[in-house]
N, C-alpha and C. Protein backbone atom coordinates (compact mmCIF):
# COMPACT_ATOMS: atom_id res chain seq x y z
N UNK A 1 -0.97 19.48 20.79
CA UNK A 1 -1.71 19.92 19.70
C UNK A 1 -0.99 19.40 18.46
N UNK A 2 -1.35 18.32 17.78
CA UNK A 2 -0.84 17.93 16.73
C UNK A 2 -0.67 18.46 15.38
N UNK A 3 -1.55 19.43 15.37
CA UNK A 3 -1.67 20.38 13.91
C UNK A 3 -0.43 20.92 13.58
N UNK A 4 0.13 21.72 14.45
CA UNK A 4 1.81 22.03 14.06
C UNK A 4 2.57 20.90 13.23
N UNK A 5 2.66 19.77 13.96
CA UNK A 5 3.12 18.52 13.48
C UNK A 5 2.71 17.97 12.09
N UNK A 6 1.39 17.96 12.02
CA UNK A 6 0.83 17.66 10.46
C UNK A 6 1.16 18.56 9.58
N UNK A 7 1.14 19.78 9.88
CA UNK A 7 1.37 20.84 8.61
C UNK A 7 2.78 20.63 8.44
N UNK A 8 3.82 20.41 9.20
CA UNK A 8 5.22 20.45 9.08
C UNK A 8 5.60 19.07 8.08
N UNK A 9 4.70 18.07 8.71
CA UNK A 9 5.07 16.74 7.99
C UNK A 9 4.64 16.83 6.41
N UNK A 10 3.19 17.58 6.12
CA UNK A 10 2.76 17.92 4.87
C UNK A 10 4.02 18.64 4.00
N UNK A 11 4.49 19.44 4.69
CA UNK A 11 5.50 20.20 3.86
C UNK A 11 6.71 19.56 3.45
N UNK A 12 7.05 18.67 4.40
CA UNK A 12 8.25 17.63 4.28
C UNK A 12 7.94 16.79 3.20
N UNK A 13 6.69 16.02 2.90
CA UNK A 13 6.51 15.09 2.15
C UNK A 13 6.15 15.51 0.60
N UNK A 14 6.30 14.85 -0.37
CA UNK A 14 5.95 15.20 -1.58
C UNK A 14 4.43 14.73 -1.79
N UNK A 15 3.52 14.94 -2.86
CA UNK A 15 2.43 14.47 -2.82
C UNK A 15 2.53 13.00 -3.12
N UNK A 16 1.89 12.35 -2.57
CA UNK A 16 1.89 10.63 -2.71
C UNK A 16 2.88 10.01 -1.59
N UNK A 17 3.84 10.70 -0.94
CA UNK A 17 4.93 10.35 0.15
C UNK A 17 4.02 9.73 1.31
N UNK A 18 4.47 9.02 1.95
CA UNK A 18 4.06 8.02 2.75
C UNK A 18 4.61 8.35 4.34
N UNK A 19 3.78 8.34 5.40
CA UNK A 19 3.80 8.82 6.82
C UNK A 19 3.54 7.72 7.60
N UNK A 20 4.09 7.30 8.62
CA UNK A 20 3.30 6.23 9.34
C UNK A 20 3.53 6.79 10.86
N UNK A 21 2.42 6.86 11.71
CA UNK A 21 2.58 7.34 13.04
C UNK A 21 1.97 6.45 13.89
N UNK A 22 2.58 6.49 15.09
CA UNK A 22 2.64 5.29 16.16
C UNK A 22 2.13 6.33 17.57
N UNK A 23 0.95 5.97 18.05
CA UNK A 23 0.34 6.88 19.05
C UNK A 23 -0.26 5.97 20.22
N UNK A 24 -0.28 6.56 21.36
CA UNK A 24 -1.09 5.87 22.37
C UNK A 24 -2.61 6.07 22.17
N UNK A 25 -3.14 4.93 22.51
CA UNK A 25 -4.71 4.81 22.27
C UNK A 25 -5.31 5.58 23.31
N UNK A 26 -6.38 6.08 23.19
CA UNK A 26 -7.24 6.52 24.33
C UNK A 26 -8.20 5.48 24.98
N UNK A 27 -8.63 4.34 24.11
CA UNK A 27 -9.15 3.36 24.93
C UNK A 27 -8.86 2.02 24.91
N UNK A 28 -7.51 1.76 25.64
CA UNK A 28 -7.03 0.78 25.48
C UNK A 28 -7.76 -0.49 26.27
N UNK A 29 -8.26 -1.48 25.56
CA UNK A 29 -8.90 -2.68 26.07
C UNK A 29 -8.22 -3.08 27.48
N UNK A 30 -6.86 -3.44 27.25
CA UNK A 30 -6.12 -4.06 28.28
C UNK A 30 -5.91 -3.24 29.70
N UNK A 31 -5.68 -1.83 29.08
CA UNK A 31 -5.84 -1.03 30.43
C UNK A 31 -7.09 -0.11 30.88
N UNK A 32 -8.09 -0.49 30.52
CA UNK A 32 -9.45 0.18 30.55
C UNK A 32 -9.54 0.70 31.80
N UNK A 33 -9.48 -0.23 32.83
CA UNK A 33 -9.81 -0.03 34.35
C UNK A 33 -8.99 1.00 34.68
N UNK A 34 -7.70 1.14 34.45
CA UNK A 34 -6.82 1.97 35.06
C UNK A 34 -7.08 3.65 34.34
N UNK A 35 -7.01 3.40 33.17
CA UNK A 35 -7.20 4.77 32.17
C UNK A 35 -8.69 5.09 31.90
N UNK A 36 -9.74 4.47 32.14
CA UNK A 36 -11.11 4.64 31.61
C UNK A 36 -11.32 6.15 31.50
N UNK A 37 -11.57 6.86 30.56
CA UNK A 37 -11.99 8.17 30.07
C UNK A 37 -11.20 9.31 30.16
N UNK A 38 -9.82 8.85 30.55
CA UNK A 38 -8.82 9.58 30.60
C UNK A 38 -8.08 10.16 29.50
N UNK A 39 -7.97 11.65 29.27
CA UNK A 39 -7.24 11.83 27.80
C UNK A 39 -5.59 11.94 28.24
N UNK A 40 -5.18 12.00 29.48
CA UNK A 40 -3.90 12.29 29.79
C UNK A 40 -3.52 11.07 30.60
N UNK A 41 -2.28 10.50 30.41
CA UNK A 41 -1.98 9.53 31.21
C UNK A 41 -0.32 9.81 31.56
N UNK A 42 0.06 9.23 32.73
CA UNK A 42 1.46 9.69 32.99
C UNK A 42 2.09 8.21 32.97
N UNK A 43 3.01 8.21 32.32
CA UNK A 43 4.13 7.10 32.00
C UNK A 43 5.24 7.15 32.54
N UNK A 44 5.73 6.07 33.11
CA UNK A 44 7.20 6.15 33.67
C UNK A 44 8.26 5.86 32.78
N UNK A 45 8.94 6.46 32.49
CA UNK A 45 10.11 6.29 31.38
C UNK A 45 11.39 6.56 31.96
N UNK A 46 12.14 5.55 32.31
CA UNK A 46 13.53 5.63 32.91
C UNK A 46 13.34 6.31 34.05
N UNK A 47 12.49 5.99 34.88
CA UNK A 47 12.04 6.39 36.07
C UNK A 47 11.75 7.88 36.34
N UNK A 48 11.32 8.41 35.26
CA UNK A 48 10.76 9.70 35.38
C UNK A 48 9.14 9.52 34.75
N UNK A 49 8.48 10.30 35.42
CA UNK A 49 7.08 10.49 34.89
C UNK A 49 6.92 11.54 33.87
N UNK A 50 6.24 10.94 32.79
CA UNK A 50 6.06 11.95 31.63
C UNK A 50 4.91 11.69 31.24
N UNK A 51 4.08 12.75 31.22
CA UNK A 51 2.72 13.15 31.09
C UNK A 51 2.43 12.86 29.50
N UNK A 52 1.56 11.89 29.19
CA UNK A 52 1.01 11.88 27.51
C UNK A 52 -0.29 12.16 27.49
N UNK A 53 -0.72 12.63 26.13
CA UNK A 53 -2.25 12.96 25.78
C UNK A 53 -2.49 12.00 24.89
N UNK A 54 -3.44 11.10 24.93
CA UNK A 54 -3.98 10.34 24.14
C UNK A 54 -4.81 10.40 23.18
N UNK A 55 -5.07 9.55 22.12
CA UNK A 55 -6.06 9.86 20.85
C UNK A 55 -7.00 8.69 20.68
N UNK A 56 -7.95 8.99 19.76
CA UNK A 56 -8.57 7.91 19.29
C UNK A 56 -8.36 8.32 17.74
N UNK A 57 -7.96 6.83 17.03
CA UNK A 57 -7.28 7.10 15.72
C UNK A 57 -8.10 7.72 14.74
N UNK A 58 -9.42 7.25 14.55
CA UNK A 58 -10.15 8.23 13.47
C UNK A 58 -10.66 9.64 13.88
N UNK A 59 -10.84 9.85 15.16
CA UNK A 59 -11.08 11.35 15.30
C UNK A 59 -9.73 12.25 15.22
N UNK A 60 -8.51 11.67 15.72
CA UNK A 60 -7.32 12.32 15.33
C UNK A 60 -6.89 12.48 13.86
N UNK A 61 -7.24 11.61 13.07
CA UNK A 61 -6.99 11.65 11.68
C UNK A 61 -7.95 12.66 11.01
N UNK A 62 -9.24 12.67 11.60
CA UNK A 62 -10.23 13.68 11.04
C UNK A 62 -10.07 15.04 11.27
N UNK A 63 -9.61 15.15 12.65
CA UNK A 63 -9.46 16.63 13.22
C UNK A 63 -7.87 17.21 12.66
N UNK A 64 -6.96 16.35 12.50
CA UNK A 64 -5.71 16.94 12.21
C UNK A 64 -5.00 16.50 11.04
N UNK A 65 -5.14 15.50 10.52
CA UNK A 65 -4.50 15.05 9.42
C UNK A 65 -5.21 14.96 8.05
N UNK A 66 -6.65 14.92 8.27
CA UNK A 66 -7.44 14.77 6.82
C UNK A 66 -6.93 15.92 5.95
N UNK A 67 -6.78 17.00 6.24
CA UNK A 67 -6.70 18.19 5.38
C UNK A 67 -5.42 17.84 4.47
N UNK A 68 -4.21 17.21 4.85
CA UNK A 68 -3.21 16.94 3.97
C UNK A 68 -3.18 15.50 3.79
N UNK A 69 -3.61 14.62 4.35
CA UNK A 69 -3.36 13.22 4.23
C UNK A 69 -4.48 12.48 3.88
N UNK A 70 -4.38 11.33 3.26
CA UNK A 70 -5.24 10.27 2.91
C UNK A 70 -4.77 9.10 4.12
N UNK A 71 -6.17 8.54 4.59
CA UNK A 71 -5.75 7.47 5.66
C UNK A 71 -5.79 6.28 4.82
N UNK A 72 -4.85 5.52 4.87
CA UNK A 72 -4.58 4.28 4.17
C UNK A 72 -4.91 3.11 4.99
N UNK A 73 -4.47 3.22 6.36
CA UNK A 73 -4.55 2.09 7.00
C UNK A 73 -4.49 2.42 8.61
N UNK A 74 -5.28 1.85 9.39
CA UNK A 74 -5.05 1.95 10.77
C UNK A 74 -4.74 0.55 11.64
N UNK A 75 -4.14 0.59 12.58
CA UNK A 75 -3.86 -1.02 13.10
C UNK A 75 -3.79 -0.39 14.58
N UNK A 76 -4.32 -1.42 15.25
CA UNK A 76 -3.99 -1.54 16.79
C UNK A 76 -3.07 -2.70 17.24
N UNK A 77 -2.41 -1.96 18.27
CA UNK A 77 -1.12 -2.81 18.87
C UNK A 77 -1.51 -3.11 20.38
N UNK A 78 -1.57 -4.09 20.79
CA UNK A 78 -1.85 -4.42 22.05
C UNK A 78 -3.14 -4.53 22.48
N UNK A 79 -3.87 -4.99 21.49
CA UNK A 79 -5.52 -5.24 21.50
C UNK A 79 -5.71 -6.34 22.64
N UNK A 80 -5.32 -7.63 22.38
CA UNK A 80 -5.42 -8.65 23.40
C UNK A 80 -4.37 -9.33 24.25
N UNK A 81 -3.02 -8.65 23.63
CA UNK A 81 -1.76 -9.12 24.43
C UNK A 81 -1.18 -7.79 24.56
N UNK A 82 -0.17 -7.84 25.53
CA UNK A 82 0.63 -6.88 25.88
C UNK A 82 1.34 -6.52 24.74
N UNK A 83 2.16 -5.39 24.40
CA UNK A 83 2.98 -5.14 23.35
C UNK A 83 4.03 -5.62 23.59
N UNK A 84 4.74 -5.82 24.72
CA UNK A 84 5.99 -6.12 25.06
C UNK A 84 5.89 -7.93 25.51
N UNK A 85 4.66 -8.50 25.41
CA UNK A 85 4.33 -9.74 25.57
C UNK A 85 5.30 -10.80 24.36
N UNK A 86 5.08 -11.83 25.01
CA UNK A 86 5.73 -13.15 23.76
C UNK A 86 5.05 -13.16 22.49
N UNK A 87 5.78 -13.37 21.40
CA UNK A 87 4.86 -13.46 19.96
C UNK A 87 4.32 -14.87 20.21
N UNK A 88 3.13 -14.84 19.40
CA UNK A 88 2.58 -16.22 19.44
C UNK A 88 1.40 -16.37 20.30
N UNK A 89 0.97 -17.73 20.46
CA UNK A 89 -0.13 -17.51 21.58
C UNK A 89 -1.46 -17.24 20.82
N UNK A 90 -2.48 -17.83 21.51
CA UNK A 90 -3.78 -17.67 21.19
C UNK A 90 -4.07 -16.06 20.93
N UNK A 91 -3.91 -15.22 22.15
CA UNK A 91 -4.27 -14.00 22.19
C UNK A 91 -3.40 -13.24 20.84
N UNK A 92 -2.29 -13.53 20.65
CA UNK A 92 -1.56 -12.69 19.54
C UNK A 92 -2.26 -13.34 17.93
N UNK A 93 -2.56 -14.49 17.98
CA UNK A 93 -3.26 -14.90 16.76
C UNK A 93 -4.47 -14.10 16.51
N UNK A 94 -5.40 -14.19 17.53
CA UNK A 94 -6.65 -13.06 17.34
C UNK A 94 -6.25 -11.66 17.20
N UNK A 95 -5.38 -11.09 17.76
CA UNK A 95 -4.81 -9.89 17.41
C UNK A 95 -4.27 -9.57 16.05
N UNK A 96 -3.61 -10.58 15.46
CA UNK A 96 -3.16 -10.15 14.24
C UNK A 96 -4.60 -10.37 13.24
N UNK A 97 -5.31 -11.25 13.62
CA UNK A 97 -6.68 -11.30 12.86
C UNK A 97 -7.48 -9.82 12.58
N UNK A 98 -7.47 -9.20 14.00
CA UNK A 98 -8.52 -8.23 14.09
C UNK A 98 -7.91 -6.72 14.11
N UNK A 99 -6.52 -6.53 14.18
CA UNK A 99 -5.80 -5.50 14.55
C UNK A 99 -6.01 -4.17 13.49
N UNK A 100 -6.68 -4.73 12.39
CA UNK A 100 -6.89 -3.42 11.35
C UNK A 100 -8.31 -3.32 11.09
N UNK A 101 -9.15 -3.93 12.06
CA UNK A 101 -10.58 -3.85 11.89
C UNK A 101 -11.15 -2.95 12.96
N UNK A 102 -12.59 -2.10 12.66
CA UNK A 102 -12.96 -1.65 13.30
C UNK A 102 -13.91 -2.53 14.29
N UNK A 103 -13.99 -2.38 15.60
CA UNK A 103 -13.60 -1.36 16.25
C UNK A 103 -12.25 -1.87 17.02
N UNK A 104 -11.64 -2.51 16.77
CA UNK A 104 -10.40 -3.43 17.24
C UNK A 104 -9.01 -2.34 17.24
N UNK A 105 -9.04 -1.89 16.23
CA UNK A 105 -7.77 -0.87 16.00
C UNK A 105 -7.91 0.49 16.86
N UNK A 106 -9.30 0.66 17.55
CA UNK A 106 -9.24 1.82 18.31
C UNK A 106 -9.21 0.98 19.88
N UNK A 107 -8.85 -0.17 20.16
CA UNK A 107 -8.70 -0.78 21.72
C UNK A 107 -7.37 -1.18 21.88
N UNK A 108 -6.55 -1.04 21.06
CA UNK A 108 -5.10 -1.30 21.41
C UNK A 108 -4.38 -0.36 22.19
N UNK A 109 -3.44 -0.82 23.08
CA UNK A 109 -2.64 0.39 24.01
C UNK A 109 -2.13 1.46 22.94
N UNK A 110 -1.57 0.91 21.63
CA UNK A 110 -1.17 1.89 20.71
C UNK A 110 -2.04 1.65 19.49
N UNK A 111 -1.83 2.57 18.66
CA UNK A 111 -2.29 2.72 17.15
C UNK A 111 -1.39 3.22 16.22
N UNK A 112 -1.52 2.85 14.95
CA UNK A 112 -0.59 3.20 13.90
C UNK A 112 -1.49 3.80 12.86
N UNK A 113 -1.30 4.94 12.25
CA UNK A 113 -1.94 5.49 11.41
C UNK A 113 -0.98 5.67 9.91
N UNK A 114 -1.50 4.94 8.96
CA UNK A 114 -0.69 4.97 7.75
C UNK A 114 -1.52 5.77 6.33
N UNK A 115 -0.69 6.98 6.45
CA UNK A 115 -1.24 8.12 5.88
C UNK A 115 -0.21 8.42 4.35
N UNK A 116 -1.07 8.77 3.63
CA UNK A 116 -0.38 9.53 2.19
C UNK A 116 -0.76 10.62 1.95
N UNK A 117 0.32 11.38 1.48
CA UNK A 117 0.14 12.97 1.26
C UNK A 117 -0.50 13.22 0.23
N UNK A 118 -1.84 14.20 0.50
CA UNK A 118 -2.62 14.42 -0.74
C UNK A 118 -1.66 15.05 -1.75
């Protein structure tokens, strides 16, 4: 539940202050077959299985952050090429073109929300 985090972030920022969030996406295009429909994933970090809850960018903003923040931008990461992949190449060029556009920002492995405190 990110509502306590959103409230704490709103208390820490002055009106007009910026916040940038980077989260796992619920519908990653590159991992769709493996994660389809699941809101929970288990990711291995340092050999340890860590459960993650995933979100859809706009529904998370509306549900959790909209009362205190204005959404300025959403951008997907890992839409057409792996986040750890080599920079450049055709897939990376396409991703740079569409990462901030609907529906592509909702299809990356990750997404970023750029928010401004109301």
